[in-house]
Amino acid sequence: MKLLSFKLNVFVNETWFHEVLIDSHVLERHGESMTTHLVLKLVSRLHLNDYKADNLDNRGFSYFVTDNLILDNKSYRMVWLIPPESNYIGVRTAFRRTYGKKI
């Protein structure tokens, strides 16, 4: 697993974050519809909001699943995390949601 690091200032859960780490899986698996620029725009959508963790692992990492992030009239799902030190936001995966095929 390779992590891609980017500087981005977002205020989430009453904490300022200045770095985003994106798991290379995002581009390897979802590269046909996802770019690093798009992921950073999705992370920016978290700005000024509070989120309840969906899971907390035994190392203290808080995991969040944010569904229905709307960007350019398209819906996305993002699984992201905050480590115990709260020094960055990590993006495990992000992808465009499709709700059935149009006929």
N, C-alpha and C. Protein backbone atom coordinates (compact mmCIF):
# COMPACT_ATOMS: atom_id res chain seq x y z
N MET A 1 0.85 -1.17 0.00
CA MET A 1 0.00 0.00 0.00
C MET A 1 0.89 1.24 0.00
N LYS A 2 0.62 2.11 -0.93
CA LYS A 2 1.35 3.37 -1.03
C LYS A 2 0.40 4.50 -0.67
N LEU A 3 0.91 5.48 0.08
CA LEU A 3 0.11 6.63 0.46
C LEU A 3 0.60 7.87 -0.28
N LEU A 4 -0.34 8.62 -0.82
CA LEU A 4 -0.03 9.86 -1.51
C LEU A 4 -0.37 11.01 -0.57
N SER A 5 0.57 11.90 -0.34
CA SER A 5 0.41 12.98 0.63
C SER A 5 0.15 14.32 -0.06
N PHE A 6 -0.83 15.06 0.47
CA PHE A 6 -1.20 16.37 -0.07
C PHE A 6 -1.47 17.33 1.08
N LYS A 7 -1.14 18.59 0.86
CA LYS A 7 -1.45 19.64 1.83
C LYS A 7 -2.85 20.15 1.52
N LEU A 8 -3.67 20.23 2.56
CA LEU A 8 -5.03 20.74 2.42
C LEU A 8 -5.50 21.16 3.80
N ASN A 9 -6.04 22.34 3.92
CA ASN A 9 -6.52 22.83 5.20
C ASN A 9 -8.03 22.64 5.30
N VAL A 10 -8.45 21.77 6.23
CA VAL A 10 -9.87 21.55 6.47
C VAL A 10 -10.11 21.47 7.98
N PHE A 11 -11.24 21.97 8.40
CA PHE A 11 -11.64 21.97 9.80
C PHE A 11 -12.78 20.96 9.95
N VAL A 12 -12.48 19.83 10.58
CA VAL A 12 -13.43 18.73 10.73
C VAL A 12 -13.43 18.28 12.19
N ASN A 13 -14.61 18.03 12.73
CA ASN A 13 -14.74 17.58 14.12
C ASN A 13 -13.97 18.48 15.08
N GLU A 14 -14.11 19.78 14.85
CA GLU A 14 -13.51 20.81 15.70
C GLU A 14 -11.98 20.74 15.76
N THR A 15 -11.36 20.25 14.67
CA THR A 15 -9.91 20.14 14.59
C THR A 15 -9.46 20.58 13.20
N TRP A 16 -8.36 21.35 13.16
CA TRP A 16 -7.76 21.71 11.88
C TRP A 16 -6.85 20.58 11.41
N PHE A 17 -6.99 20.21 10.15
CA PHE A 17 -6.11 19.24 9.51
C PHE A 17 -5.41 19.94 8.35
N HIS A 18 -4.13 19.65 8.17
CA HIS A 18 -3.35 20.32 7.13
C HIS A 18 -2.75 19.33 6.14
N GLU A 19 -3.08 18.05 6.31
CA GLU A 19 -2.54 17.03 5.41
C GLU A 19 -3.61 15.98 5.15
N VAL A 20 -3.63 15.51 3.90
CA VAL A 20 -4.51 14.41 3.50
C VAL A 20 -3.63 13.33 2.90
N LEU A 21 -3.80 12.10 3.40
CA LEU A 21 -3.10 10.95 2.84
C LEU A 21 -4.12 10.10 2.09
N ILE A 22 -3.87 9.86 0.82
CA ILE A 22 -4.78 9.08 -0.02
C ILE A 22 -4.14 7.73 -0.31
N ASP A 23 -4.85 6.67 0.03
CA ASP A 23 -4.39 5.32 -0.25
C ASP A 23 -4.33 5.13 -1.77
N SER A 24 -3.25 4.58 -2.27
CA SER A 24 -3.09 4.38 -3.71
C SER A 24 -4.20 3.48 -4.28
N HIS A 25 -4.84 2.70 -3.44
CA HIS A 25 -5.96 1.85 -3.85
C HIS A 25 -7.03 2.66 -4.58
N VAL A 26 -7.24 3.89 -4.13
CA VAL A 26 -8.29 4.73 -4.72
C VAL A 26 -8.08 4.86 -6.23
N LEU A 27 -6.85 5.18 -6.62
CA LEU A 27 -6.58 5.37 -8.05
C LEU A 27 -6.40 4.05 -8.78
N GLU A 28 -5.83 3.05 -8.10
CA GLU A 28 -5.63 1.75 -8.74
C GLU A 28 -6.96 1.07 -9.03
N ARG A 29 -7.89 1.16 -8.11
CA ARG A 29 -9.16 0.46 -8.24
C ARG A 29 -10.23 1.30 -8.93
N HIS A 30 -10.21 2.62 -8.69
CA HIS A 30 -11.28 3.49 -9.18
C HIS A 30 -10.77 4.58 -10.10
N GLY A 31 -9.62 4.37 -10.69
CA GLY A 31 -8.97 5.38 -11.52
C GLY A 31 -9.78 5.83 -12.73
N GLU A 32 -10.74 5.02 -13.18
CA GLU A 32 -11.53 5.41 -14.34
C GLU A 32 -12.45 6.59 -14.01
N SER A 33 -12.77 6.76 -12.72
CA SER A 33 -13.65 7.87 -12.35
C SER A 33 -13.09 8.76 -11.25
N MET A 34 -11.94 8.40 -10.69
CA MET A 34 -11.38 9.16 -9.57
C MET A 34 -9.98 9.67 -9.90
N THR A 35 -9.71 10.88 -9.47
CA THR A 35 -8.37 11.47 -9.57
C THR A 35 -8.01 12.02 -8.19
N THR A 36 -6.74 12.30 -7.97
CA THR A 36 -6.36 12.88 -6.68
C THR A 36 -7.05 14.23 -6.49
N HIS A 37 -7.15 15.00 -7.55
CA HIS A 37 -7.82 16.30 -7.46
C HIS A 37 -9.28 16.14 -7.01
N LEU A 38 -9.96 15.16 -7.56
CA LEU A 38 -11.35 14.89 -7.19
C LEU A 38 -11.46 14.45 -5.73
N VAL A 39 -10.55 13.59 -5.29
CA VAL A 39 -10.56 13.14 -3.89
C VAL A 39 -10.36 14.33 -2.96
N LEU A 40 -9.44 15.22 -3.30
CA LEU A 40 -9.20 16.40 -2.47
C LEU A 40 -10.43 17.31 -2.44
N LYS A 41 -11.15 17.41 -3.54
CA LYS A 41 -12.39 18.18 -3.55
C LYS A 41 -13.43 17.54 -2.63
N LEU A 42 -13.47 16.20 -2.62
CA LEU A 42 -14.40 15.51 -1.73
C LEU A 42 -14.03 15.73 -0.27
N VAL A 43 -12.74 15.67 0.04
CA VAL A 43 -12.30 15.92 1.42
C VAL A 43 -12.66 17.36 1.81
N SER A 44 -12.53 18.28 0.89
CA SER A 44 -12.88 19.68 1.16
C SER A 44 -14.35 19.82 1.54
N ARG A 45 -15.19 18.93 1.03
CA ARG A 45 -16.63 18.97 1.36
C ARG A 45 -16.88 18.63 2.82
N LEU A 46 -15.89 18.01 3.50
CA LEU A 46 -16.03 17.69 4.93
C LEU A 46 -15.86 18.94 5.79
N HIS A 47 -15.26 19.99 5.24
CA HIS A 47 -14.90 21.21 5.97
C HIS A 47 -16.09 21.78 6.75
N LEU A 48 -15.81 22.15 8.00
CA LEU A 48 -16.76 22.79 8.90
C LEU A 48 -17.90 21.87 9.36
N ASN A 49 -17.72 20.57 9.24
CA ASN A 49 -18.74 19.63 9.70
C ASN A 49 -18.19 18.72 10.79
N ASP A 50 -19.11 18.15 11.54
CA ASP A 50 -18.77 17.17 12.57
C ASP A 50 -19.34 15.82 12.16
N TYR A 51 -18.55 14.78 12.37
CA TYR A 51 -18.94 13.44 11.98
C TYR A 51 -18.74 12.48 13.14
N LYS A 52 -19.65 11.54 13.25
CA LYS A 52 -19.53 10.48 14.24
C LYS A 52 -18.83 9.30 13.58
N ALA A 53 -17.84 8.75 14.26
CA ALA A 53 -17.09 7.62 13.70
C ALA A 53 -18.00 6.41 13.54
N ASP A 54 -17.83 5.71 12.43
CA ASP A 54 -18.56 4.46 12.20
C ASP A 54 -17.87 3.30 12.88
N ASN A 55 -16.54 3.47 13.12
CA ASN A 55 -15.77 2.39 13.75
C ASN A 55 -14.53 2.99 14.40
N LEU A 56 -14.09 2.37 15.47
CA LEU A 56 -12.85 2.74 16.14
C LEU A 56 -12.05 1.45 16.31
N ASP A 57 -10.84 1.41 15.72
CA ASP A 57 -10.07 0.16 15.82
C ASP A 57 -9.24 0.14 17.10
N ASN A 58 -8.57 -0.99 17.33
CA ASN A 58 -7.82 -1.18 18.58
C ASN A 58 -6.57 -0.31 18.67
N ARG A 59 -6.20 0.36 17.58
CA ARG A 59 -5.06 1.29 17.61
C ARG A 59 -5.51 2.73 17.80
N GLY A 60 -6.81 2.94 17.89
CA GLY A 60 -7.33 4.29 18.13
C GLY A 60 -7.70 5.06 16.88
N PHE A 61 -7.65 4.43 15.71
CA PHE A 61 -8.04 5.10 14.47
C PHE A 61 -9.56 5.16 14.39
N SER A 62 -10.09 6.33 14.08
CA SER A 62 -11.52 6.51 13.87
C SER A 62 -11.81 6.42 12.38
N TYR A 63 -12.75 5.56 12.01
CA TYR A 63 -13.12 5.37 10.61
C TYR A 63 -14.51 5.95 10.36
N PHE A 64 -14.65 6.59 9.20
CA PHE A 64 -15.89 7.24 8.83
C PHE A 64 -16.29 6.79 7.43
N VAL A 65 -17.58 6.61 7.24
CA VAL A 65 -18.12 6.33 5.91
C VAL A 65 -19.08 7.46 5.59
N THR A 66 -18.72 8.25 4.60
CA THR A 66 -19.56 9.38 4.21
C THR A 66 -20.12 9.06 2.82
N ASP A 67 -21.42 8.88 2.81
CA ASP A 67 -22.10 8.54 1.57
C ASP A 67 -22.84 9.76 1.05
N ASN A 68 -23.12 9.76 -0.22
CA ASN A 68 -23.88 10.81 -0.86
C ASN A 68 -23.19 12.18 -0.78
N LEU A 69 -21.87 12.18 -0.93
CA LEU A 69 -21.14 13.45 -1.10
C LEU A 69 -21.42 13.91 -2.52
N ILE A 70 -22.02 15.06 -2.67
CA ILE A 70 -22.42 15.55 -3.99
C ILE A 70 -21.37 16.53 -4.50
N LEU A 71 -20.94 16.27 -5.71
CA LEU A 71 -19.96 17.14 -6.37
C LEU A 71 -20.28 17.13 -7.86
N ASP A 72 -20.53 18.28 -8.43
CA ASP A 72 -20.89 18.41 -9.85
C ASP A 72 -22.08 17.51 -10.21
N ASN A 73 -23.07 17.51 -9.35
CA ASN A 73 -24.30 16.73 -9.54
C ASN A 73 -24.08 15.22 -9.61
N LYS A 74 -22.98 14.76 -9.05
CA LYS A 74 -22.70 13.33 -8.97
C LYS A 74 -22.51 12.96 -7.52
N SER A 75 -22.91 11.74 -7.18
CA SER A 75 -22.83 11.26 -5.80
C SER A 75 -21.60 10.37 -5.62
N TYR A 76 -20.91 10.57 -4.48
CA TYR A 76 -19.71 9.80 -4.17
C TYR A 76 -19.79 9.24 -2.76
N ARG A 77 -19.07 8.17 -2.56
CA ARG A 77 -18.92 7.57 -1.23
C ARG A 77 -17.44 7.60 -0.90
N MET A 78 -17.12 7.98 0.35
CA MET A 78 -15.73 8.04 0.76
C MET A 78 -15.58 7.39 2.14
N VAL A 79 -14.60 6.52 2.25
CA VAL A 79 -14.23 5.93 3.54
C VAL A 79 -12.93 6.59 3.95
N TRP A 80 -12.96 7.23 5.10
CA TRP A 80 -11.81 8.01 5.53
C TRP A 80 -11.57 7.77 7.01
N LEU A 81 -10.41 8.25 7.47
CA LEU A 81 -10.04 7.99 8.87
C LEU A 81 -9.30 9.17 9.46
N ILE A 82 -9.29 9.17 10.78
CA ILE A 82 -8.48 10.12 11.56
C ILE A 82 -7.68 9.28 12.55
N PRO A 83 -6.35 9.44 12.55
CA PRO A 83 -5.54 8.68 13.50
C PRO A 83 -5.68 9.25 14.92
N PRO A 84 -5.22 8.50 15.93
CA PRO A 84 -5.35 8.97 17.31
C PRO A 84 -4.68 10.32 17.55
N GLU A 85 -3.61 10.62 16.82
CA GLU A 85 -2.91 11.90 17.01
C GLU A 85 -3.64 13.05 16.32
N SER A 86 -4.66 12.74 15.50
CA SER A 86 -5.43 13.75 14.76
C SER A 86 -4.54 14.70 13.97
N ASN A 87 -3.53 14.15 13.29
CA ASN A 87 -2.61 15.02 12.55
C ASN A 87 -2.80 14.96 11.04
N TYR A 88 -3.74 14.14 10.55
CA TYR A 88 -4.06 14.12 9.13
C TYR A 88 -5.40 13.43 8.93
N ILE A 89 -5.95 13.58 7.74
CA ILE A 89 -7.12 12.81 7.33
C ILE A 89 -6.63 11.81 6.30
N GLY A 90 -6.97 10.56 6.49
CA GLY A 90 -6.60 9.51 5.54
C GLY A 90 -7.82 9.08 4.74
N VAL A 91 -7.64 8.88 3.45
CA VAL A 91 -8.73 8.41 2.59
C VAL A 91 -8.42 6.97 2.18
N ARG A 92 -9.23 6.04 2.67
CA ARG A 92 -9.04 4.62 2.35
C ARG A 92 -9.57 4.29 0.97
N THR A 93 -10.75 4.82 0.66
CA THR A 93 -11.32 4.63 -0.66
C THR A 93 -12.34 5.73 -0.94
N ALA A 94 -12.55 5.97 -2.20
CA ALA A 94 -13.56 6.94 -2.66
C ALA A 94 -13.97 6.51 -4.05
N PHE A 95 -15.26 6.57 -4.28
CA PHE A 95 -15.74 6.18 -5.60
C PHE A 95 -17.09 6.81 -5.88
N ARG A 96 -17.40 6.88 -7.16
CA ARG A 96 -18.68 7.44 -7.60
C ARG A 96 -19.76 6.40 -7.38
N ARG A 97 -20.89 6.87 -6.85
CA ARG A 97 -22.04 5.99 -6.62
C ARG A 97 -22.90 5.97 -7.87
N THR A 98 -23.30 4.79 -8.26
CA THR A 98 -24.27 4.65 -9.35
C THR A 98 -25.44 3.86 -8.80
N TYR A 99 -26.60 4.35 -9.03
CA TYR A 99 -27.80 3.73 -8.49
C TYR A 99 -28.63 3.14 -9.61
N GLY A 100 -28.18 2.01 -10.11
CA GLY A 100 -28.89 1.33 -11.18
C GLY A 100 -28.55 1.94 -12.54
N LYS A 101 -28.79 1.17 -13.55
CA LYS A 101 -28.51 1.62 -14.91
C LYS A 101 -29.76 2.22 -15.53
N LYS A 102 -29.56 3.29 -16.28
CA LYS A 102 -30.68 3.91 -16.98
C LYS A 102 -30.92 3.14 -18.28
N ILE A 103 -32.19 2.95 -18.57
CA ILE A 103 -32.56 2.20 -19.78
C ILE A 103 -32.91 3.17 -20.88
